[in-house]
Amino acid sequence: TPNQDDLKLREYATRSAVTTSSTIAQIHKASRQKHLVFMPRTKTTDDAVLVEMTKQQATKKIIEDVKEFFAVRNLDEAEVYFLAFPFAYHSKLVDHLTMRAVESKEADVQLQPLRPRRGEGTLFRCAFDEGLASIAEIIDDIAVGVPRALKYFAMVVKSVSLDDDRRTRLASKALDSEELLALLS
């Protein structure tokens, strides 16, 4: 049992004065939660070795990167995200960035995270086509909940600077392909 003198020396706080978790379970849970720090990266990963990722790991990282990008709002970060992923997941990153922009505000669409870098090869363009096509297939469903989704999707596609043939193929994947094609023109 504690000594009476020890008990007198302890400082006690009222329940209303405690602003953080006060039970052991809450403190333990709070310490285990991942804290995201939304700051731009200071170093690019050009020379970093790309590690193999499982599909689940890649999806988790993509979701974190998309949240970070829209919090930081730094266009240079979008390029870093593409460099950090193996090519196999670029289309999934395009898909998630596009989906977030389409479901958000016009300011998020105008960030244009998908603006292609100069001198990108055919493989990179294929990743854009694949990622945008997956959204084009469901854009009409998204438009039910987000009335401006079609307009925002067209803005994202225009920022990618697709040629007319690729725009037509992309628009053909939507249920209302004529309206989407008109917005893309």
C-alpha atoms as a PDB file:
ATOM      1  CA  THR A   1       0.000   0.000   0.000  1.00  0.00           C
ATOM      2  CA  PRO A   2       1.221   3.482  -0.756  1.00  0.00           C
ATOM      3  CA  ASN A   3       2.605   5.546   2.014  1.00  0.00           C
ATOM      4  CA  GLN A   4       0.349   8.395   3.223  1.00  0.00           C
ATOM      5  CA  ASP A   5       3.103  10.936   2.546  1.00  0.00           C
ATOM      6  CA  ASP A   6       3.382   9.717  -1.060  1.00  0.00           C
ATOM      7  CA  LEU A   7      -0.338  10.199  -1.600  1.00  0.00           C
ATOM      8  CA  LYS A   8      -0.179  13.769  -0.321  1.00  0.00           C
ATOM      9  CA  LEU A   9       2.642  14.616  -2.752  1.00  0.00           C
ATOM     10  CA  ARG A  10       0.713  13.466  -5.832  1.00  0.00           C
ATOM     11  CA  GLU A  11      -1.012  16.072  -7.925  1.00  0.00           C
ATOM     12  CA  TYR A  12      -4.531  15.319  -9.035  1.00  0.00           C
ATOM     13  CA  ALA A  13      -6.458  16.906 -11.880  1.00  0.00           C
ATOM     14  CA  THR A  14     -10.198  17.199 -12.089  1.00  0.00           C
ATOM     15  CA  ARG A  15     -11.915  15.266 -14.867  1.00  0.00           C
ATOM     16  CA  SER A  16     -12.893  18.454 -16.662  1.00  0.00           C
ATOM     17  CA  ALA A  17      -9.255  19.601 -16.708  1.00  0.00           C
ATOM     18  CA  VAL A  18      -8.087  16.490 -18.578  1.00  0.00           C
ATOM     19  CA  THR A  19      -8.219  17.118 -22.330  1.00  0.00           C
ATOM     20  CA  THR A  20      -6.550  13.951 -23.551  1.00  0.00           C
ATOM     21  CA  SER A  21      -7.341  10.283 -23.176  1.00  0.00           C
ATOM     22  CA  SER A  22      -7.392   9.356 -19.521  1.00  0.00           C
ATOM     23  CA  THR A  23      -7.994   5.622 -19.318  1.00  0.00           C
ATOM     24  CA  ILE A  24      -5.194   3.174 -19.926  1.00  0.00           C
ATOM     25  CA  ALA A  25      -7.095   1.651 -22.856  1.00  0.00           C
ATOM     26  CA  GLN A  26      -7.581   5.069 -24.486  1.00  0.00           C
ATOM     27  CA  ILE A  27      -3.941   6.024 -23.964  1.00  0.00           C
ATOM     28  CA  HIS A  28      -2.797   2.708 -25.455  1.00  0.00           C
ATOM     29  CA  LYS A  29      -5.131   3.097 -28.441  1.00  0.00           C
ATOM     30  CA  ALA A  30      -3.979   6.685 -29.063  1.00  0.00           C
ATOM     31  CA  SER A  31      -0.324   5.658 -28.955  1.00  0.00           C
ATOM     32  CA  ARG A  32      -0.884   2.932 -31.558  1.00  0.00           C
ATOM     33  CA  GLN A  33      -2.746   5.149 -34.026  1.00  0.00           C
ATOM     34  CA  LYS A  34      -0.747   6.271 -37.018  1.00  0.00           C
ATOM     35  CA  HIS A  35      -0.235  10.006 -37.180  1.00  0.00           C
ATOM     36  CA  LEU A  36       0.023  11.495 -40.670  1.00  0.00           C
ATOM     37  CA  VAL A  37       2.290  14.475 -41.100  1.00  0.00           C
ATOM     38  CA  PHE A  38       1.346  16.411 -44.207  1.00  0.00           C
ATOM     39  CA  MET A  39       4.598  17.983 -45.294  1.00  0.00           C
ATOM     40  CA  PRO A  40       6.265  18.076 -48.711  1.00  0.00           C
ATOM     41  CA  ARG A  41       9.078  15.638 -49.186  1.00  0.00           C
ATOM     42  CA  THR A  42      12.479  17.253 -49.230  1.00  0.00           C
ATOM     43  CA  LYS A  43      14.150  14.647 -51.396  1.00  0.00           C
ATOM     44  CA  THR A  44      12.904  12.960 -54.553  1.00  0.00           C
ATOM     45  CA  THR A  45      13.178   9.228 -54.976  1.00  0.00           C
ATOM     46  CA  ASP A  46      14.870   9.255 -58.402  1.00  0.00           C
ATOM     47  CA  ASP A  47      17.715   7.085 -57.212  1.00  0.00           C
ATOM     48  CA  ALA A  48      15.685   5.139 -54.677  1.00  0.00           C
ATOM     49  CA  VAL A  49      15.301   1.450 -55.276  1.00  0.00           C
ATOM     50  CA  LEU A  50      11.681   0.516 -55.833  1.00  0.00           C
ATOM     51  CA  VAL A  51      10.735  -2.327 -53.576  1.00  0.00           C
ATOM     52  CA  GLU A  52       8.225  -4.947 -54.551  1.00  0.00           C
ATOM     53  CA  MET A  53       4.800  -4.293 -53.090  1.00  0.00           C
ATOM     54  CA  THR A  54       1.777  -6.454 -52.685  1.00  0.00           C
ATOM     55  CA  LYS A  55      -1.453  -5.160 -54.134  1.00  0.00           C
ATOM     56  CA  GLN A  56      -2.752  -4.520 -50.624  1.00  0.00           C
ATOM     57  CA  GLN A  57       0.377  -2.562 -49.611  1.00  0.00           C
ATOM     58  CA  ALA A  58       0.211  -0.508 -52.800  1.00  0.00           C
ATOM     59  CA  THR A  59      -3.460   0.322 -52.294  1.00  0.00           C
ATOM     60  CA  LYS A  60      -2.824   1.397 -48.710  1.00  0.00           C
ATOM     61  CA  LYS A  61       0.124   3.593 -49.756  1.00  0.00           C
ATOM     62  CA  ILE A  62      -1.840   5.104 -52.645  1.00  0.00           C
ATOM     63  CA  ILE A  63      -4.686   6.068 -50.319  1.00  0.00           C
ATOM     64  CA  GLU A  64      -2.217   7.701 -47.904  1.00  0.00           C
ATOM     65  CA  ASP A  65      -0.420   9.519 -50.742  1.00  0.00           C
ATOM     66  CA  VAL A  66      -3.670  10.856 -52.218  1.00  0.00           C
ATOM     67  CA  LYS A  67      -4.725  12.191 -48.798  1.00  0.00           C
ATOM     68  CA  GLU A  68      -1.301  13.755 -48.363  1.00  0.00           C
ATOM     69  CA  PHE A  69      -1.317  15.315 -51.837  1.00  0.00           C
ATOM     70  CA  PHE A  70      -4.673  17.019 -51.371  1.00  0.00           C
ATOM     71  CA  ALA A  71      -3.627  18.220 -47.900  1.00  0.00           C
ATOM     72  CA  VAL A  72      -0.247  19.605 -49.019  1.00  0.00           C
ATOM     73  CA  ARG A  73      -1.516  20.772 -52.453  1.00  0.00           C
ATOM     74  CA  ASN A  74       1.987  20.758 -53.942  1.00  0.00           C
ATOM     75  CA  LEU A  75       2.148  19.735 -57.613  1.00  0.00           C
ATOM     76  CA  ASP A  76       5.761  18.608 -57.311  1.00  0.00           C
ATOM     77  CA  GLU A  77       4.567  15.947 -54.881  1.00  0.00           C
ATOM     78  CA  ALA A  78       2.437  14.265 -57.560  1.00  0.00           C
ATOM     79  CA  GLU A  79       5.574  13.506 -59.543  1.00  0.00           C
ATOM     80  CA  VAL A  80       7.262  12.096 -56.442  1.00  0.00           C
ATOM     81  CA  TYR A  81       4.351   9.712 -55.894  1.00  0.00           C
ATOM     82  CA  PHE A  82       4.694   8.301 -59.394  1.00  0.00           C
ATOM     83  CA  LEU A  83       8.436   7.858 -58.962  1.00  0.00           C
ATOM     84  CA  ALA A  84       7.935   6.047 -55.654  1.00  0.00           C
ATOM     85  CA  PHE A  85       5.702   3.338 -57.133  1.00  0.00           C
ATOM     86  CA  PRO A  86       6.518   0.459 -59.431  1.00  0.00           C
ATOM     87  CA  PHE A  87       4.986   1.066 -62.860  1.00  0.00           C
ATOM     88  CA  ALA A  88       2.400  -1.678 -62.341  1.00  0.00           C
ATOM     89  CA  TYR A  89       0.580   0.588 -59.864  1.00  0.00           C
ATOM     90  CA  HIS A  90       0.689   3.882 -61.799  1.00  0.00           C
ATOM     91  CA  SER A  91      -2.776   3.351 -63.288  1.00  0.00           C
ATOM     92  CA  LYS A  92      -4.176   2.694 -59.804  1.00  0.00           C
ATOM     93  CA  LEU A  93      -2.604   5.957 -58.590  1.00  0.00           C
ATOM     94  CA  VAL A  94      -4.135   7.812 -61.565  1.00  0.00           C
ATOM     95  CA  ASP A  95      -7.484   6.201 -60.709  1.00  0.00           C
ATOM     96  CA  HIS A  96      -7.369   7.292 -57.055  1.00  0.00           C
ATOM     97  CA  LEU A  97      -6.170  10.848 -57.807  1.00  0.00           C
ATOM     98  CA  THR A  98      -8.901  11.256 -60.420  1.00  0.00           C
ATOM     99  CA  MET A  99     -11.605   9.824 -58.176  1.00  0.00           C
ATOM    100  CA  ARG A 100     -10.643  12.146 -55.326  1.00  0.00           C
ATOM    101  CA  ALA A 101     -10.635  15.178 -57.639  1.00  0.00           C
ATOM    102  CA  VAL A 102     -13.969  14.261 -59.245  1.00  0.00           C
ATOM    103  CA  GLU A 103     -15.656  13.784 -55.870  1.00  0.00           C
ATOM    104  CA  SER A 104     -14.222  17.008 -54.411  1.00  0.00           C
ATOM    105  CA  LYS A 105     -14.408  20.695 -55.171  1.00  0.00           C
ATOM    106  CA  GLU A 106     -13.401  22.485 -58.340  1.00  0.00           C
ATOM    107  CA  ALA A 107     -10.276  23.790 -56.597  1.00  0.00           C
ATOM    108  CA  ASP A 108      -9.065  20.192 -56.202  1.00  0.00           C
ATOM    109  CA  VAL A 109      -9.686  19.505 -59.884  1.00  0.00           C
ATOM    110  CA  GLN A 110      -7.729  22.606 -60.863  1.00  0.00           C
ATOM    111  CA  LEU A 111      -4.663  21.319 -59.002  1.00  0.00           C
ATOM    112  CA  GLN A 112      -4.147  19.019 -62.001  1.00  0.00           C
ATOM    113  CA  PRO A 113      -2.009  16.378 -60.293  1.00  0.00           C
ATOM    114  CA  LEU A 114      -2.100  14.287 -63.450  1.00  0.00           C
ATOM    115  CA  ARG A 115      -0.382  16.779 -65.717  1.00  0.00           C
ATOM    116  CA  PRO A 116       2.112  14.549 -67.560  1.00  0.00           C
ATOM    117  CA  ARG A 117       5.791  15.305 -67.359  1.00  0.00           C
ATOM    118  CA  ARG A 118       7.650  16.218 -70.515  1.00  0.00           C
ATOM    119  CA  GLY A 119       9.181  13.350 -72.425  1.00  0.00           C
ATOM    120  CA  GLU A 120       7.086  10.628 -70.827  1.00  0.00           C
ATOM    121  CA  GLY A 121       7.048   7.422 -72.788  1.00  0.00           C
ATOM    122  CA  THR A 122       4.262   5.234 -74.099  1.00  0.00           C
ATOM    123  CA  LEU A 123       4.118   3.160 -70.916  1.00  0.00           C
ATOM    124  CA  PHE A 124       3.363   6.211 -68.814  1.00  0.00           C
ATOM    125  CA  ARG A 125       0.599   7.281 -71.217  1.00  0.00           C
ATOM    126  CA  CYS A 126      -0.865   3.766 -71.042  1.00  0.00           C
ATOM    127  CA  ALA A 127      -1.058   4.074 -67.254  1.00  0.00           C
ATOM    128  CA  PHE A 128      -3.006   7.325 -67.677  1.00  0.00           C
ATOM    129  CA  ASP A 129      -5.343   5.718 -70.211  1.00  0.00           C
ATOM    130  CA  GLU A 130      -5.967   2.719 -67.970  1.00  0.00           C
ATOM    131  CA  GLY A 131      -6.500   4.775 -64.807  1.00  0.00           C
ATOM    132  CA  LEU A 132      -8.826   7.263 -66.491  1.00  0.00           C
ATOM    133  CA  ALA A 133     -10.754   4.494 -68.286  1.00  0.00           C
ATOM    134  CA  SER A 134     -11.683   2.867 -64.985  1.00  0.00           C
ATOM    135  CA  ILE A 135     -13.267   6.152 -63.856  1.00  0.00           C
ATOM    136  CA  ALA A 136     -14.931   6.760 -67.252  1.00  0.00           C
ATOM    137  CA  GLU A 137     -16.735   3.430 -66.897  1.00  0.00           C
ATOM    138  CA  ILE A 138     -18.386   4.507 -63.636  1.00  0.00           C
ATOM    139  CA  ILE A 139     -18.564   8.293 -64.073  1.00  0.00           C
ATOM    140  CA  ASP A 140     -22.320   8.183 -64.688  1.00  0.00           C
ATOM    141  CA  ASP A 141     -22.852   6.381 -61.375  1.00  0.00           C
ATOM    142  CA  ILE A 142     -20.649   8.923 -59.607  1.00  0.00           C
ATOM    143  CA  ALA A 143     -22.644  11.756 -61.213  1.00  0.00           C
ATOM    144  CA  VAL A 144     -25.764  10.555 -59.385  1.00  0.00           C
ATOM    145  CA  GLY A 145     -24.184  11.544 -56.064  1.00  0.00           C
ATOM    146  CA  VAL A 146     -21.888  14.289 -57.362  1.00  0.00           C
ATOM    147  CA  PRO A 147     -23.783  16.376 -59.944  1.00  0.00           C
ATOM    148  CA  ARG A 148     -20.639  18.051 -61.338  1.00  0.00           C
ATOM    149  CA  ALA A 149     -18.672  14.803 -61.623  1.00  0.00           C
ATOM    150  CA  LEU A 150     -18.862  14.695 -65.427  1.00  0.00           C
ATOM    151  CA  LYS A 151     -17.611  18.284 -65.718  1.00  0.00           C
ATOM    152  CA  TYR A 152     -14.807  17.660 -63.208  1.00  0.00           C
ATOM    153  CA  PHE A 153     -13.783  14.444 -64.939  1.00  0.00           C
ATOM    154  CA  ALA A 154     -13.597  16.314 -68.252  1.00  0.00           C
ATOM    155  CA  MET A 155     -11.366  18.930 -66.604  1.00  0.00           C
ATOM    156  CA  VAL A 156      -9.022  16.216 -65.316  1.00  0.00           C
ATOM    157  CA  VAL A 157      -8.868  14.533 -68.726  1.00  0.00           C
ATOM    158  CA  LYS A 158      -8.145  17.864 -70.430  1.00  0.00           C
ATOM    159  CA  SER A 159      -5.253  18.471 -68.028  1.00  0.00           C
ATOM    160  CA  VAL A 160      -3.669  15.217 -69.205  1.00  0.00           C
ATOM    161  CA  SER A 161      -3.625  16.522 -72.807  1.00  0.00           C
ATOM    162  CA  LEU A 162      -4.907  13.404 -74.549  1.00  0.00           C
ATOM    163  CA  ASP A 163      -5.107  13.405 -78.326  1.00  0.00           C
ATOM    164  CA  ASP A 164      -8.544  13.296 -80.024  1.00  0.00           C
ATOM    165  CA  ASP A 165      -8.450   9.544 -80.659  1.00  0.00           C
ATOM    166  CA  ARG A 166      -7.676   8.721 -77.022  1.00  0.00           C
ATOM    167  CA  ARG A 167     -10.361  11.151 -75.808  1.00  0.00           C
ATOM    168  CA  THR A 168     -12.925   9.487 -78.068  1.00  0.00           C
ATOM    169  CA  ARG A 169     -11.977   6.016 -76.804  1.00  0.00           C
ATOM    170  CA  LEU A 170     -12.162   7.233 -73.226  1.00  0.00           C
ATOM    171  CA  ALA A 171     -15.558   8.901 -73.723  1.00  0.00           C
ATOM    172  CA  SER A 172     -16.945   5.743 -75.350  1.00  0.00           C
ATOM    173  CA  LYS A 173     -16.533   3.911 -72.033  1.00  0.00           C
ATOM    174  CA  ALA A 174     -19.089   6.172 -70.308  1.00  0.00           C
ATOM    175  CA  LEU A 175     -22.827   5.489 -70.542  1.00  0.00           C
ATOM    176  CA  ASP A 176     -23.454   9.077 -71.631  1.00  0.00           C
ATOM    177  CA  SER A 177     -20.504   9.116 -74.009  1.00  0.00           C
ATOM    178  CA  GLU A 178     -21.874  11.920 -76.194  1.00  0.00           C
ATOM    179  CA  GLU A 179     -22.121  14.365 -73.295  1.00  0.00           C
ATOM    180  CA  LEU A 180     -18.652  13.433 -72.049  1.00  0.00           C
ATOM    181  CA  LEU A 181     -17.195  13.788 -75.552  1.00  0.00           C
ATOM    182  CA  ALA A 182     -18.823  17.220 -75.867  1.00  0.00           C
ATOM    183  CA  LEU A 183     -17.236  18.283 -72.571  1.00  0.00           C
ATOM    184  CA  LEU A 184     -13.854  16.968 -73.720  1.00  0.00           C
ATOM    185  CA  SER A 185     -13.942  18.932 -76.982  1.00  0.00           C
END
